[in-house]
Full PDB file with SEQRES, HELIX, SHEET, SSBOND, CRYST1, ORIGX, SCALE, CONECT and MASTER records, all heavy atoms in Angstrom:
SEQRES   1 A   37  LEU GLN LYS LYS TYR GLU SER PHE VAL GLY VAL THR SER          
SEQRES   2 A   37  VAL PRO HIS ARG HIS GLY LEU ASN GLY SER GLU LEU LEU          
SEQRES   3 A   37  GLN TYR TYR VAL ASN GLU PHE TYR LEU ASP VAL                  
HELIX    1 AA1 LYS A    3  TYR A    5  5                                   3    
HELIX    2 AA2 GLY A   22  GLU A   32  1                                  11    
CRYST1    1.000    1.000    1.000  90.00  90.00  90.00 P 1           1          
ORIGX1      1.000000  0.000000  0.000000        0.00000                         
ORIGX2      0.000000  1.000000  0.000000        0.00000                         
ORIGX3      0.000000  0.000000  1.000000        0.00000                         
SCALE1      1.000000  0.000000  0.000000        0.00000                         
SCALE2      0.000000  1.000000  0.000000        0.00000                         
SCALE3      0.000000  0.000000  1.000000        0.00000                         
ATOM      1  N   LEU A   1      99.290 105.052 109.619  1.00  0.00           N  
ATOM      2  CA  LEU A   1      98.298 104.668 110.657  1.00  0.00           C  
ATOM      3  C   LEU A   1      98.933 104.555 112.039  1.00  0.00           C  
ATOM      4  O   LEU A   1      99.998 103.918 112.174  1.00  0.00           O  
ATOM      5  CB  LEU A   1      97.607 103.346 110.318  1.00  0.00           C  
ATOM      6  CG  LEU A   1      96.471 102.955 111.249  1.00  0.00           C  
ATOM      7  CD1 LEU A   1      95.246 102.545 110.416  1.00  0.00           C  
ATOM      8  CD2 LEU A   1      96.875 101.768 112.148  1.00  0.00           C  
ATOM      9  N   GLN A   2      98.379 105.214 113.040  1.00  0.00           N  
ATOM     10  CA  GLN A   2      98.945 105.168 114.382  1.00  0.00           C  
ATOM     11  C   GLN A   2      98.543 103.886 115.069  1.00  0.00           C  
ATOM     12  O   GLN A   2      97.454 103.375 114.868  1.00  0.00           O  
ATOM     13  CB  GLN A   2      98.413 106.399 115.150  1.00  0.00           C  
ATOM     14  CG  GLN A   2      98.912 107.729 114.613  1.00  0.00           C  
ATOM     15  CD  GLN A   2      98.237 108.866 115.187  1.00  0.00           C  
ATOM     16  OE1 GLN A   2      97.282 108.769 116.021  1.00  0.00           O  
ATOM     17  NE2 GLN A   2      98.661 110.096 114.826  1.00  0.00           N  
ATOM     18  N   LYS A   3      99.414 103.390 115.902  1.00  0.00           N  
ATOM     19  CA  LYS A   3      99.275 102.019 116.472  1.00  0.00           C  
ATOM     20  C   LYS A   3      97.955 101.849 117.161  1.00  0.00           C  
ATOM     21  O   LYS A   3      97.326 100.778 117.047  1.00  0.00           O  
ATOM     22  CB  LYS A   3     100.446 101.796 117.478  1.00  0.00           C  
ATOM     23  CG  LYS A   3     100.388 100.465 118.252  1.00  0.00           C  
ATOM     24  CD  LYS A   3     100.539  99.326 117.392  1.00  0.00           C  
ATOM     25  CE  LYS A   3     100.590  98.015 118.126  1.00  0.00           C  
ATOM     26  NZ  LYS A   3     100.676  96.731 117.290  1.00  0.00           N  
ATOM     27  N   LYS A   4      97.518 102.868 117.876  1.00  0.00           N  
ATOM     28  CA  LYS A   4      96.209 102.702 118.648  1.00  0.00           C  
ATOM     29  C   LYS A   4      95.013 102.444 117.743  1.00  0.00           C  
ATOM     30  O   LYS A   4      93.955 102.007 118.254  1.00  0.00           O  
ATOM     31  CB  LYS A   4      96.016 103.885 119.538  1.00  0.00           C  
ATOM     32  CG  LYS A   4      95.773 105.212 118.818  1.00  0.00           C  
ATOM     33  CD  LYS A   4      95.631 106.308 119.846  1.00  0.00           C  
ATOM     34  CE  LYS A   4      95.532 107.692 119.109  1.00  0.00           C  
ATOM     35  NZ  LYS A   4      95.409 108.792 120.131  1.00  0.00           N  
ATOM     36  N   TYR A   5      95.146 102.748 116.428  1.00  0.00           N  
ATOM     37  CA  TYR A   5      94.013 102.614 115.532  1.00  0.00           C  
ATOM     38  C   TYR A   5      94.108 101.302 114.668  1.00  0.00           C  
ATOM     39  O   TYR A   5      93.381 101.155 113.702  1.00  0.00           O  
ATOM     40  CB  TYR A   5      93.886 103.845 114.622  1.00  0.00           C  
ATOM     41  CG  TYR A   5      93.549 105.109 115.352  1.00  0.00           C  
ATOM     42  CD1 TYR A   5      94.476 106.200 115.354  1.00  0.00           C  
ATOM     43  CD2 TYR A   5      92.377 105.216 116.045  1.00  0.00           C  
ATOM     44  CE1 TYR A   5      94.147 107.351 116.027  1.00  0.00           C  
ATOM     45  CE2 TYR A   5      92.089 106.400 116.717  1.00  0.00           C  
ATOM     46  CZ  TYR A   5      93.002 107.483 116.717  1.00  0.00           C  
ATOM     47  OH  TYR A   5      92.706 108.649 117.387  1.00  0.00           O  
ATOM     48  N   GLU A   6      95.108 100.480 114.955  1.00  0.00           N  
ATOM     49  CA  GLU A   6      95.358  99.279 114.100  1.00  0.00           C  
ATOM     50  C   GLU A   6      94.141  98.397 114.191  1.00  0.00           C  
ATOM     51  O   GLU A   6      93.566  98.125 115.258  1.00  0.00           O  
ATOM     52  CB  GLU A   6      96.601  98.579 114.548  1.00  0.00           C  
ATOM     53  CG  GLU A   6      96.923  97.382 113.646  1.00  0.00           C  
ATOM     54  CD  GLU A   6      98.330  96.849 113.729  1.00  0.00           C  
ATOM     55  OE1 GLU A   6      98.599  96.300 114.852  1.00  0.00           O  
ATOM     56  OE2 GLU A   6      99.118  96.994 112.811  1.00  0.00           O  
ATOM     57  N   SER A   7      93.751  97.850 113.043  1.00  0.00           N  
ATOM     58  CA  SER A   7      92.600  96.940 112.956  1.00  0.00           C  
ATOM     59  C   SER A   7      92.736  96.181 111.618  1.00  0.00           C  
ATOM     60  O   SER A   7      93.728  96.333 110.877  1.00  0.00           O  
ATOM     61  CB  SER A   7      91.283  97.737 113.009  1.00  0.00           C  
ATOM     62  OG  SER A   7      91.086  98.430 111.848  1.00  0.00           O  
ATOM     63  N   PHE A   8      91.667  95.451 111.322  1.00  0.00           N  
ATOM     64  CA  PHE A   8      91.658  94.713 110.055  1.00  0.00           C  
ATOM     65  C   PHE A   8      91.630  95.702 108.830  1.00  0.00           C  
ATOM     66  O   PHE A   8      91.965  95.234 107.710  1.00  0.00           O  
ATOM     67  CB  PHE A   8      90.381  93.838 110.021  1.00  0.00           C  
ATOM     68  CG  PHE A   8      90.408  92.780 108.979  1.00  0.00           C  
ATOM     69  CD1 PHE A   8      91.517  91.995 108.736  1.00  0.00           C  
ATOM     70  CD2 PHE A   8      89.312  92.620 108.160  1.00  0.00           C  
ATOM     71  CE1 PHE A   8      91.536  90.948 107.758  1.00  0.00           C  
ATOM     72  CE2 PHE A   8      89.271  91.637 107.153  1.00  0.00           C  
ATOM     73  CZ  PHE A   8      90.381  90.842 106.954  1.00  0.00           C  
ATOM     74  N   VAL A   9      91.317  96.934 109.050  1.00  0.00           N  
ATOM     75  CA  VAL A   9      91.313  97.895 107.933  1.00  0.00           C  
ATOM     76  C   VAL A   9      92.491  98.835 108.035  1.00  0.00           C  
ATOM     77  O   VAL A   9      92.474  99.945 107.411  1.00  0.00           O  
ATOM     78  CB  VAL A   9      89.984  98.730 107.910  1.00  0.00           C  
ATOM     79  CG1 VAL A   9      88.875  97.839 107.403  1.00  0.00           C  
ATOM     80  CG2 VAL A   9      89.677  99.358 109.183  1.00  0.00           C  
ATOM     81  N   GLY A  10      93.550  98.418 108.736  1.00  0.00           N  
ATOM     82  CA  GLY A  10      94.716  99.288 108.790  1.00  0.00           C  
ATOM     83  C   GLY A  10      95.846  98.705 109.570  1.00  0.00           C  
ATOM     84  O   GLY A  10      95.673  98.386 110.745  1.00  0.00           O  
ATOM     85  N   VAL A  11      97.012  98.492 108.924  1.00  0.00           N  
ATOM     86  CA  VAL A  11      98.221  98.046 109.607  1.00  0.00           C  
ATOM     87  C   VAL A  11      99.059  99.242 109.989  1.00  0.00           C  
ATOM     88  O   VAL A  11      99.212 100.155 109.180  1.00  0.00           O  
ATOM     89  CB  VAL A  11      99.034  97.098 108.673  1.00  0.00           C  
ATOM     90  CG1 VAL A  11     100.338  96.622 109.334  1.00  0.00           C  
ATOM     91  CG2 VAL A  11      98.175  95.874 108.318  1.00  0.00           C  
ATOM     92  N   THR A  12      99.547  99.194 111.211  1.00  0.00           N  
ATOM     93  CA  THR A  12     100.388 100.336 111.761  1.00  0.00           C  
ATOM     94  C   THR A  12     101.470 100.728 110.753  1.00  0.00           C  
ATOM     95  O   THR A  12     102.152  99.830 110.173  1.00  0.00           O  
ATOM     96  CB  THR A  12     101.076  99.839 113.065  1.00  0.00           C  
ATOM     97  OG1 THR A  12      99.995  99.579 114.047  1.00  0.00           O  
ATOM     98  CG2 THR A  12     101.942 100.972 113.610  1.00  0.00           C  
ATOM     99  N   SER A  13     101.666 102.060 110.587  1.00  0.00           N  
ATOM    100  CA  SER A  13     102.684 102.695 109.801  1.00  0.00           C  
ATOM    101  C   SER A  13     102.373 102.902 108.345  1.00  0.00           C  
ATOM    102  O   SER A  13     103.118 103.603 107.632  1.00  0.00           O  
ATOM    103  CB  SER A  13     104.042 101.965 109.968  1.00  0.00           C  
ATOM    104  OG  SER A  13     104.073 100.770 109.167  1.00  0.00           O  
ATOM    105  N   VAL A  14     101.301 102.232 107.827  1.00  0.00           N  
ATOM    106  CA  VAL A  14     101.017 102.359 106.405  1.00  0.00           C  
ATOM    107  C   VAL A  14     100.038 103.515 106.161  1.00  0.00           C  
ATOM    108  O   VAL A  14      99.018 103.636 106.839  1.00  0.00           O  
ATOM    109  CB  VAL A  14     100.337 101.030 105.891  1.00  0.00           C  
ATOM    110  CG1 VAL A  14      99.943 101.112 104.465  1.00  0.00           C  
ATOM    111  CG2 VAL A  14     101.280  99.851 106.133  1.00  0.00           C  
ATOM    112  N   PRO A  15     100.287 104.437 105.144  1.00  0.00           N  
ATOM    113  CA  PRO A  15      99.428 105.530 104.868  1.00  0.00           C  
ATOM    114  C   PRO A  15      98.155 105.064 104.137  1.00  0.00           C  
ATOM    115  O   PRO A  15      98.031 103.919 103.708  1.00  0.00           O  
ATOM    116  CB  PRO A  15     100.273 106.399 103.980  1.00  0.00           C  
ATOM    117  CG  PRO A  15     101.212 105.485 103.305  1.00  0.00           C  
ATOM    118  CD  PRO A  15     101.472 104.380 104.296  1.00  0.00           C  
ATOM    119  N   HIS A  16      97.231 105.940 103.965  1.00  0.00           N  
ATOM    120  CA  HIS A  16      95.923 105.657 103.371  1.00  0.00           C  
ATOM    121  C   HIS A  16      96.058 105.092 101.984  1.00  0.00           C  
ATOM    122  O   HIS A  16      95.414 104.066 101.683  1.00  0.00           O  
ATOM    123  CB  HIS A  16      95.051 106.912 103.322  1.00  0.00           C  
ATOM    124  CG  HIS A  16      94.845 107.568 104.700  1.00  0.00           C  
ATOM    125  ND1 HIS A  16      95.717 108.302 105.368  1.00  0.00           N  
ATOM    126  CD2 HIS A  16      93.698 107.530 105.468  1.00  0.00           C  
ATOM    127  CE1 HIS A  16      95.262 108.665 106.512  1.00  0.00           C  
ATOM    128  NE2 HIS A  16      94.013 108.231 106.631  1.00  0.00           N  
ATOM    129  N   ARG A  17      96.893 105.730 101.128  1.00  0.00           N  
ATOM    130  CA  ARG A  17      97.199 105.219  99.809  1.00  0.00           C  
ATOM    131  C   ARG A  17      98.682 104.970  99.765  1.00  0.00           C  
ATOM    132  O   ARG A  17      99.470 105.890  99.797  1.00  0.00           O  
ATOM    133  CB  ARG A  17      96.779 106.141  98.751  1.00  0.00           C  
ATOM    134  CG  ARG A  17      97.088 105.779  97.294  1.00  0.00           C  
ATOM    135  CD  ARG A  17      96.583 106.727  96.318  1.00  0.00           C  
ATOM    136  NE  ARG A  17      97.095 106.469  94.988  1.00  0.00           N  
ATOM    137  CZ  ARG A  17      96.770 107.133  93.851  1.00  0.00           C  
ATOM    138  NH1 ARG A  17      95.936 108.196  93.928  1.00  0.00           N  
ATOM    139  NH2 ARG A  17      97.292 106.830  92.723  1.00  0.00           N  
ATOM    140  N   HIS A  18      99.142 103.699  99.707  1.00  0.00           N  
ATOM    141  CA  HIS A  18     100.517 103.318 100.025  1.00  0.00           C  
ATOM    142  C   HIS A  18     101.409 103.415  98.763  1.00  0.00           C  
ATOM    143  O   HIS A  18     102.658 103.436  98.953  1.00  0.00           O  
ATOM    144  CB  HIS A  18     100.608 101.983 100.627  1.00  0.00           C  
ATOM    145  CG  HIS A  18      99.838 100.918  99.929  1.00  0.00           C  
ATOM    146  ND1 HIS A  18     100.208 100.395  98.724  1.00  0.00           N  
ATOM    147  CD2 HIS A  18      98.706 100.226 100.270  1.00  0.00           C  
ATOM    148  CE1 HIS A  18      99.338  99.453  98.305  1.00  0.00           C  
ATOM    149  NE2 HIS A  18      98.446  99.352  99.261  1.00  0.00           N  
ATOM    150  N   GLY A  19     100.902 103.386  97.560  1.00  0.00           N  
ATOM    151  CA  GLY A  19     101.782 103.535  96.425  1.00  0.00           C  
ATOM    152  C   GLY A  19     102.678 102.384  96.118  1.00  0.00           C  
ATOM    153  O   GLY A  19     103.663 102.500  95.373  1.00  0.00           O  
ATOM    154  N   LEU A  20     102.403 101.156  96.651  1.00  0.00           N  
ATOM    155  CA  LEU A  20     103.153  99.937  96.401  1.00  0.00           C  
ATOM    156  C   LEU A  20     102.304  98.899  95.718  1.00  0.00           C  
ATOM    157  O   LEU A  20     101.077  98.926  95.939  1.00  0.00           O  
ATOM    158  CB  LEU A  20     103.703  99.394  97.722  1.00  0.00           C  
ATOM    159  CG  LEU A  20     104.662 100.217  98.554  1.00  0.00           C  
ATOM    160  CD1 LEU A  20     104.926  99.644  99.883  1.00  0.00           C  
ATOM    161  CD2 LEU A  20     105.988 100.369  97.788  1.00  0.00           C  
ATOM    162  N   ASN A  21     102.881  98.001  94.978  1.00  0.00           N  
ATOM    163  CA  ASN A  21     102.138  96.859  94.518  1.00  0.00           C  
ATOM    164  C   ASN A  21     102.090  95.824  95.663  1.00  0.00           C  
ATOM    165  O   ASN A  21     102.751  96.022  96.676  1.00  0.00           O  
ATOM    166  CB  ASN A  21     102.751  96.289  93.221  1.00  0.00           C  
ATOM    167  CG  ASN A  21     104.115  95.711  93.420  1.00  0.00           C  
ATOM    168  OD1 ASN A  21     104.424  94.944  94.260  1.00  0.00           O  
ATOM    169  ND2 ASN A  21     105.040  96.114  92.491  1.00  0.00           N  
ATOM    170  N   GLY A  22     101.312  94.845  95.475  1.00  0.00           N  
ATOM    171  CA  GLY A  22     101.043  93.853  96.581  1.00  0.00           C  
ATOM    172  C   GLY A  22     102.323  93.161  97.089  1.00  0.00           C  
ATOM    173  O   GLY A  22     102.549  93.082  98.321  1.00  0.00           O  
ATOM    174  N   SER A  23     103.195  92.726  96.193  1.00  0.00           N  
ATOM    175  CA  SER A  23     104.444  92.080  96.609  1.00  0.00           C  
ATOM    176  C   SER A  23     105.327  92.977  97.333  1.00  0.00           C  
ATOM    177  O   SER A  23     106.038  92.626  98.310  1.00  0.00           O  
ATOM    178  CB  SER A  23     105.116  91.423  95.408  1.00  0.00           C  
ATOM    179  OG  SER A  23     105.428  92.417  94.372  1.00  0.00           O  
ATOM    180  N   GLU A  24     105.391  94.251  96.932  1.00  0.00           N  
ATOM    181  CA  GLU A  24     106.214  95.243  97.644  1.00  0.00           C  
ATOM    182  C   GLU A  24     105.696  95.516  99.037  1.00  0.00           C  
ATOM    183  O   GLU A  24     106.453  95.645  99.979  1.00  0.00           O  
ATOM    184  CB  GLU A  24     106.315  96.480  96.855  1.00  0.00           C  
ATOM    185  CG  GLU A  24     107.046  96.437  95.549  1.00  0.00           C  
ATOM    186  CD  GLU A  24     106.868  97.616  94.569  1.00  0.00           C  
ATOM    187  OE1 GLU A  24     105.881  98.374  94.790  1.00  0.00           O  
ATOM    188  OE2 GLU A  24     107.576  97.741  93.618  1.00  0.00           O  
ATOM    189  N   LEU A  25     104.406  95.659  99.182  1.00  0.00           N  
ATOM    190  CA  LEU A  25     103.853  95.890 100.515  1.00  0.00           C  
ATOM    191  C   LEU A  25     104.095  94.721 101.444  1.00  0.00           C  
ATOM    192  O   LEU A  25     104.392  94.890 102.614  1.00  0.00           O  
ATOM    193  CB  LEU A  25     102.352  96.230 100.426  1.00  0.00           C  
ATOM    194  CG  LEU A  25     101.656  96.558 101.724  1.00  0.00           C  
ATOM    195  CD1 LEU A  25     102.264  97.839 102.358  1.00  0.00           C  
ATOM    196  CD2 LEU A  25     100.140  96.778 101.542  1.00  0.00           C  
ATOM    197  N   LEU A  26     103.919  93.497 100.909  1.00  0.00           N  
ATOM    198  CA  LEU A  26     104.231  92.292 101.736  1.00  0.00           C  
ATOM    199  C   LEU A  26     105.697  92.223 102.106  1.00  0.00           C  
ATOM    200  O   LEU A  26     106.082  91.874 103.216  1.00  0.00           O  
ATOM    201  CB  LEU A  26     103.720  91.052 101.039  1.00  0.00           C  
ATOM    202  CG  LEU A  26     102.254  90.937 100.861  1.00  0.00           C  
ATOM    203  CD1 LEU A  26     101.924  89.623 100.170  1.00  0.00           C  
ATOM    204  CD2 LEU A  26     101.526  91.094 102.156  1.00  0.00           C  
ATOM    205  N   GLN A  27     106.585  92.591 101.199  1.00  0.00           N  
ATOM    206  CA  GLN A  27     107.981  92.620 101.550  1.00  0.00           C  
ATOM    207  C   GLN A  27     108.278  93.730 102.595  1.00  0.00           C  
ATOM    208  O   GLN A  27     109.087  93.575 103.507  1.00  0.00           O  
ATOM    209  CB  GLN A  27     108.796  92.967 100.326  1.00  0.00           C  
ATOM    210  CG  GLN A  27     110.382  92.858 100.509  1.00  0.00           C  
ATOM    211  CD  GLN A  27     110.837  91.537 100.946  1.00  0.00           C  
ATOM    212  OE1 GLN A  27     110.680  90.541 100.168  1.00  0.00           O  
ATOM    213  NE2 GLN A  27     111.356  91.376 102.131  1.00  0.00           N  
ATOM    214  N   TYR A  28     107.531  94.836 102.516  1.00  0.00           N  
ATOM    215  CA  TYR A  28     107.625  95.877 103.576  1.00  0.00           C  
ATOM    216  C   TYR A  28     107.237  95.302 104.929  1.00  0.00           C  
ATOM    217  O   TYR A  28     107.951  95.556 105.923  1.00  0.00           O  
ATOM    218  CB  TYR A  28     106.723  97.063 103.205  1.00  0.00           C  
ATOM    219  CG  TYR A  28     106.553  98.057 104.318  1.00  0.00           C  
ATOM    220  CD1 TYR A  28     107.541  99.017 104.664  1.00  0.00           C  
ATOM    221  CD2 TYR A  28     105.387  98.025 105.162  1.00  0.00           C  
ATOM    222  CE1 TYR A  28     107.421  99.923 105.716  1.00  0.00           C  
ATOM    223  CE2 TYR A  28     105.248  98.911 106.176  1.00  0.00           C  
ATOM    224  CZ  TYR A  28     106.277  99.828 106.486  1.00  0.00           C  
ATOM    225  OH  TYR A  28     106.130 100.693 107.520  1.00  0.00           O  
ATOM    226  N   TYR A  29     106.175  94.542 104.987  1.00  0.00           N  
ATOM    227  CA  TYR A  29     105.781  93.977 106.257  1.00  0.00           C  
ATOM    228  C   TYR A  29     106.812  93.019 106.804  1.00  0.00           C  
ATOM    229  O   TYR A  29     107.133  92.996 107.989  1.00  0.00           O  
ATOM    230  CB  TYR A  29     104.431  93.170 106.056  1.00  0.00           C  
ATOM    231  CG  TYR A  29     103.252  94.000 105.793  1.00  0.00           C  
ATOM    232  CD1 TYR A  29     102.185  93.564 105.063  1.00  0.00           C  
ATOM    233  CD2 TYR A  29     103.121  95.319 106.357  1.00  0.00           C  
ATOM    234  CE1 TYR A  29     101.062  94.333 104.806  1.00  0.00           C  
ATOM    235  CE2 TYR A  29     102.038  96.089 106.097  1.00  0.00           C  
ATOM    236  CZ  TYR A  29     100.968  95.557 105.367  1.00  0.00           C  
ATOM    237  OH  TYR A  29      99.869  96.392 105.138  1.00  0.00           O  
ATOM    238  N   VAL A  30     107.416  92.201 105.949  1.00  0.00           N  
ATOM    239  CA  VAL A  30     108.506  91.337 106.395  1.00  0.00           C  
ATOM    240  C   VAL A  30     109.611  92.148 107.018  1.00  0.00           C  
ATOM    241  O   VAL A  30     110.129  91.779 108.051  1.00  0.00           O  
ATOM    242  CB  VAL A  30     108.973  90.439 105.260  1.00  0.00           C  
ATOM    243  CG1 VAL A  30     110.209  89.678 105.632  1.00  0.00           C  
ATOM    244  CG2 VAL A  30     107.897  89.431 104.840  1.00  0.00           C  
ATOM    245  N   ASN A  31     110.015  93.156 106.347  1.00  0.00           N  
ATOM    246  CA  ASN A  31     111.153  94.060 106.805  1.00  0.00           C  
ATOM    247  C   ASN A  31     110.752  94.799 108.037  1.00  0.00           C  
ATOM    248  O   ASN A  31     111.534  94.798 109.043  1.00  0.00           O  
ATOM    249  CB  ASN A  31     111.584  95.005 105.722  1.00  0.00           C  
ATOM    250  CG  ASN A  31     112.085  94.307 104.459  1.00  0.00           C  
ATOM    251  OD1 ASN A  31     112.378  93.068 104.492  1.00  0.00           O  
ATOM    252  ND2 ASN A  31     112.215  95.078 103.385  1.00  0.00           N  
ATOM    253  N   GLU A  32     109.615  95.421 108.018  1.00  0.00           N  
ATOM    254  CA  GLU A  32     109.233  96.424 109.075  1.00  0.00           C  
ATOM    255  C   GLU A  32     108.985  95.680 110.392  1.00  0.00           C  
ATOM    256  O   GLU A  32     109.316  96.204 111.466  1.00  0.00           O  
ATOM    257  CB  GLU A  32     108.008  97.173 108.655  1.00  0.00           C  
ATOM    258  CG  GLU A  32     107.439  98.182 109.661  1.00  0.00           C  
ATOM    259  CD  GLU A  32     108.328  99.447 109.777  1.00  0.00           C  
ATOM    260  OE1 GLU A  32     109.212  99.587 108.904  1.00  0.00           O  
ATOM    261  OE2 GLU A  32     108.039 100.295 110.674  1.00  0.00           O  
ATOM    262  N   PHE A  33     108.405  94.456 110.344  1.00  0.00           N  
ATOM    263  CA  PHE A  33     108.020  93.744 111.570  1.00  0.00           C  
ATOM    264  C   PHE A  33     108.900  92.539 111.813  1.00  0.00           C  
ATOM    265  O   PHE A  33     108.572  91.688 112.631  1.00  0.00           O  
ATOM    266  CB  PHE A  33     106.573  93.328 111.439  1.00  0.00           C  
ATOM    267  CG  PHE A  33     105.640  94.549 111.275  1.00  0.00           C  
ATOM    268  CD1 PHE A  33     105.096  94.820 110.031  1.00  0.00           C  
ATOM    269  CD2 PHE A  33     105.359  95.370 112.337  1.00  0.00           C  
ATOM    270  CE1 PHE A  33     104.215  95.933 109.890  1.00  0.00           C  
ATOM    271  CE2 PHE A  33     104.542  96.480 112.208  1.00  0.00           C  
ATOM    272  CZ  PHE A  33     103.951  96.799 111.014  1.00  0.00           C  
ATOM    273  N   TYR A  34     110.021  92.445 111.133  1.00  0.00           N  
ATOM    274  CA  TYR A  34     111.066  91.439 111.403  1.00  0.00           C  
ATOM    275  C   TYR A  34     110.472  89.964 111.322  1.00  0.00           C  
ATOM    276  O   TYR A  34     110.661  89.219 112.290  1.00  0.00           O  
ATOM    277  CB  TYR A  34     111.793  91.708 112.669  1.00  0.00           C  
ATOM    278  CG  TYR A  34     112.410  93.099 112.791  1.00  0.00           C  
ATOM    279  CD1 TYR A  34     111.754  94.064 113.470  1.00  0.00           C  
ATOM    280  CD2 TYR A  34     113.647  93.326 112.144  1.00  0.00           C  
ATOM    281  CE1 TYR A  34     112.367  95.355 113.561  1.00  0.00           C  
ATOM    282  CE2 TYR A  34     114.245  94.589 112.214  1.00  0.00           C  
ATOM    283  CZ  TYR A  34     113.599  95.598 112.911  1.00  0.00           C  
ATOM    284  OH  TYR A  34     114.152  96.852 112.966  1.00  0.00           O  
ATOM    285  N   LEU A  35     109.777  89.749 110.302  1.00  0.00           N  
ATOM    286  CA  LEU A  35     109.077  88.431 110.181  1.00  0.00           C  
ATOM    287  C   LEU A  35     110.058  87.376 109.699  1.00  0.00           C  
ATOM    288  O   LEU A  35     110.842  87.617 108.716  1.00  0.00           O  
ATOM    289  CB  LEU A  35     107.891  88.573 109.292  1.00  0.00           C  
ATOM    290  CG  LEU A  35     106.762  89.588 109.662  1.00  0.00           C  
ATOM    291  CD1 LEU A  35     105.643  89.545 108.716  1.00  0.00           C  
ATOM    292  CD2 LEU A  35     106.317  89.292 111.103  1.00  0.00           C  
ATOM    293  N   ASP A  36     110.006  86.188 110.222  1.00  0.00           N  
ATOM    294  CA  ASP A  36     110.841  85.034 109.892  1.00  0.00           C  
ATOM    295  C   ASP A  36     110.128  84.289 108.746  1.00  0.00           C  
ATOM    296  O   ASP A  36     109.617  83.247 108.921  1.00  0.00           O  
ATOM    297  CB  ASP A  36     111.042  84.148 111.101  1.00  0.00           C  
ATOM    298  CG  ASP A  36     111.932  82.948 110.821  1.00  0.00           C  
ATOM    299  OD1 ASP A  36     112.539  82.900 109.745  1.00  0.00           O  
ATOM    300  OD2 ASP A  36     112.002  82.054 111.686  1.00  0.00           O  
ATOM    301  N   VAL A  37     110.197  84.910 107.559  1.00  0.00           N  
ATOM    302  CA  VAL A  37     109.534  84.349 106.395  1.00  0.00           C  
ATOM    303  C   VAL A  37     110.415  84.523 105.183  1.00  0.00           C  
ATOM    304  O   VAL A  37     110.923  85.613 104.950  1.00  0.00           O  
ATOM    305  CB  VAL A  37     108.199  85.029 106.089  1.00  0.00           C  
ATOM    306  CG1 VAL A  37     107.517  84.444 104.907  1.00  0.00           C  
ATOM    307  CG2 VAL A  37     107.275  84.904 107.328  1.00  0.00           C  
TER     308      VAL A  37                                                      
MASTER        0    0    0    2    0    0    0    6  307    1    0    3          
END                                                                             
């Protein structure tokens, strides 16, 4: 997903079907966006 289209139905950089389980996708968010969590 391109940044200009980010919304509640799409986080930037994630494809339409992401192929990850929930915990993996949340870990991706922590890594990708440098979250202090």
